[in-house]
Amino acid sequence: MVGAFIGAFVAQRLQIPFDGFFGSLLVSSLGATFFLAVLGLFRRPA
């Protein structure tokens, strides 16, 4: 859920049009992937 919001925020800031179901799905997927990648940077055991 958080990744979808992050993806939508980034897409709006970069002025990328994401109309329709597939556009929203793509933006949400990219946002979720980005969120998990950033989260993985902080959760690595030392």
C-alpha atoms as a PDB file:
ATOM      1  CA  MET A   1       0.000   0.000   0.000  1.00  0.00           C
ATOM      2  CA  VAL A   2       2.783   2.376   0.903  1.00  0.00           C
ATOM      3  CA  GLY A   3       4.585   1.502  -2.325  1.00  0.00           C
ATOM      4  CA  ALA A   4       1.536   2.486  -4.356  1.00  0.00           C
ATOM      5  CA  PHE A   5       1.491   5.912  -2.740  1.00  0.00           C
ATOM      6  CA  ILE A   6       5.226   6.339  -3.269  1.00  0.00           C
ATOM      7  CA  GLY A   7       4.899   5.333  -6.925  1.00  0.00           C
ATOM      8  CA  ALA A   8       2.025   7.743  -7.500  1.00  0.00           C
ATOM      9  CA  PHE A   9       3.926  10.558  -5.790  1.00  0.00           C
ATOM     10  CA  VAL A  10       7.050  10.003  -7.882  1.00  0.00           C
ATOM     11  CA  ALA A  11       5.052   9.686 -11.114  1.00  0.00           C
ATOM     12  CA  GLN A  12       3.248  12.955 -10.423  1.00  0.00           C
ATOM     13  CA  ARG A  13       6.501  14.758  -9.610  1.00  0.00           C
ATOM     14  CA  LEU A  14       8.113  13.490 -12.807  1.00  0.00           C
ATOM     15  CA  GLN A  15       4.926  14.368 -14.747  1.00  0.00           C
ATOM     16  CA  ILE A  16       4.524  10.829 -16.059  1.00  0.00           C
ATOM     17  CA  PRO A  17       0.981  10.152 -17.263  1.00  0.00           C
ATOM     18  CA  PHE A  18      -0.436   6.973 -15.766  1.00  0.00           C
ATOM     19  CA  ASP A  19      -4.032   6.835 -16.927  1.00  0.00           C
ATOM     20  CA  GLY A  20      -6.108   3.703 -16.746  1.00  0.00           C
ATOM     21  CA  PHE A  21      -5.848   0.432 -14.918  1.00  0.00           C
ATOM     22  CA  PHE A  22      -2.565  -0.757 -16.384  1.00  0.00           C
ATOM     23  CA  GLY A  23      -0.872   2.594 -15.848  1.00  0.00           C
ATOM     24  CA  SER A  24      -1.902   2.592 -12.199  1.00  0.00           C
ATOM     25  CA  LEU A  25      -0.802  -1.013 -11.833  1.00  0.00           C
ATOM     26  CA  LEU A  26       2.601  -0.234 -13.339  1.00  0.00           C
ATOM     27  CA  VAL A  27       3.154   2.814 -11.136  1.00  0.00           C
ATOM     28  CA  SER A  28       2.074   0.891  -8.028  1.00  0.00           C
ATOM     29  CA  SER A  29       4.386  -2.002  -8.849  1.00  0.00           C
ATOM     30  CA  LEU A  30       7.359   0.262  -9.414  1.00  0.00           C
ATOM     31  CA  GLY A  31       6.646   2.146  -6.198  1.00  0.00           C
ATOM     32  CA  ALA A  32       6.361  -1.076  -4.209  1.00  0.00           C
ATOM     33  CA  THR A  33       9.613  -2.382  -5.678  1.00  0.00           C
ATOM     34  CA  PHE A  34      11.368   0.871  -4.828  1.00  0.00           C
ATOM     35  CA  PHE A  35       9.956   0.835  -1.297  1.00  0.00           C
ATOM     36  CA  LEU A  36      11.095  -2.746  -0.685  1.00  0.00           C
ATOM     37  CA  ALA A  37      14.556  -1.969  -2.052  1.00  0.00           C
ATOM     38  CA  VAL A  38      14.941   1.005   0.288  1.00  0.00           C
ATOM     39  CA  LEU A  39      13.561  -1.001   3.199  1.00  0.00           C
ATOM     40  CA  GLY A  40      16.077  -3.758   2.452  1.00  0.00           C
ATOM     41  CA  LEU A  41      18.929  -1.295   2.833  1.00  0.00           C
ATOM     42  CA  PHE A  42      17.953  -0.629   6.445  1.00  0.00           C
ATOM     43  CA  ARG A  43      17.145  -4.192   7.504  1.00  0.00           C
ATOM     44  CA  ARG A  44      20.489  -5.822   6.750  1.00  0.00           C
ATOM     45  CA  PRO A  45      22.069  -7.544   9.734  1.00  0.00           C
ATOM     46  CA  ALA A  46      25.445  -6.173  10.736  1.00  0.00           C
END
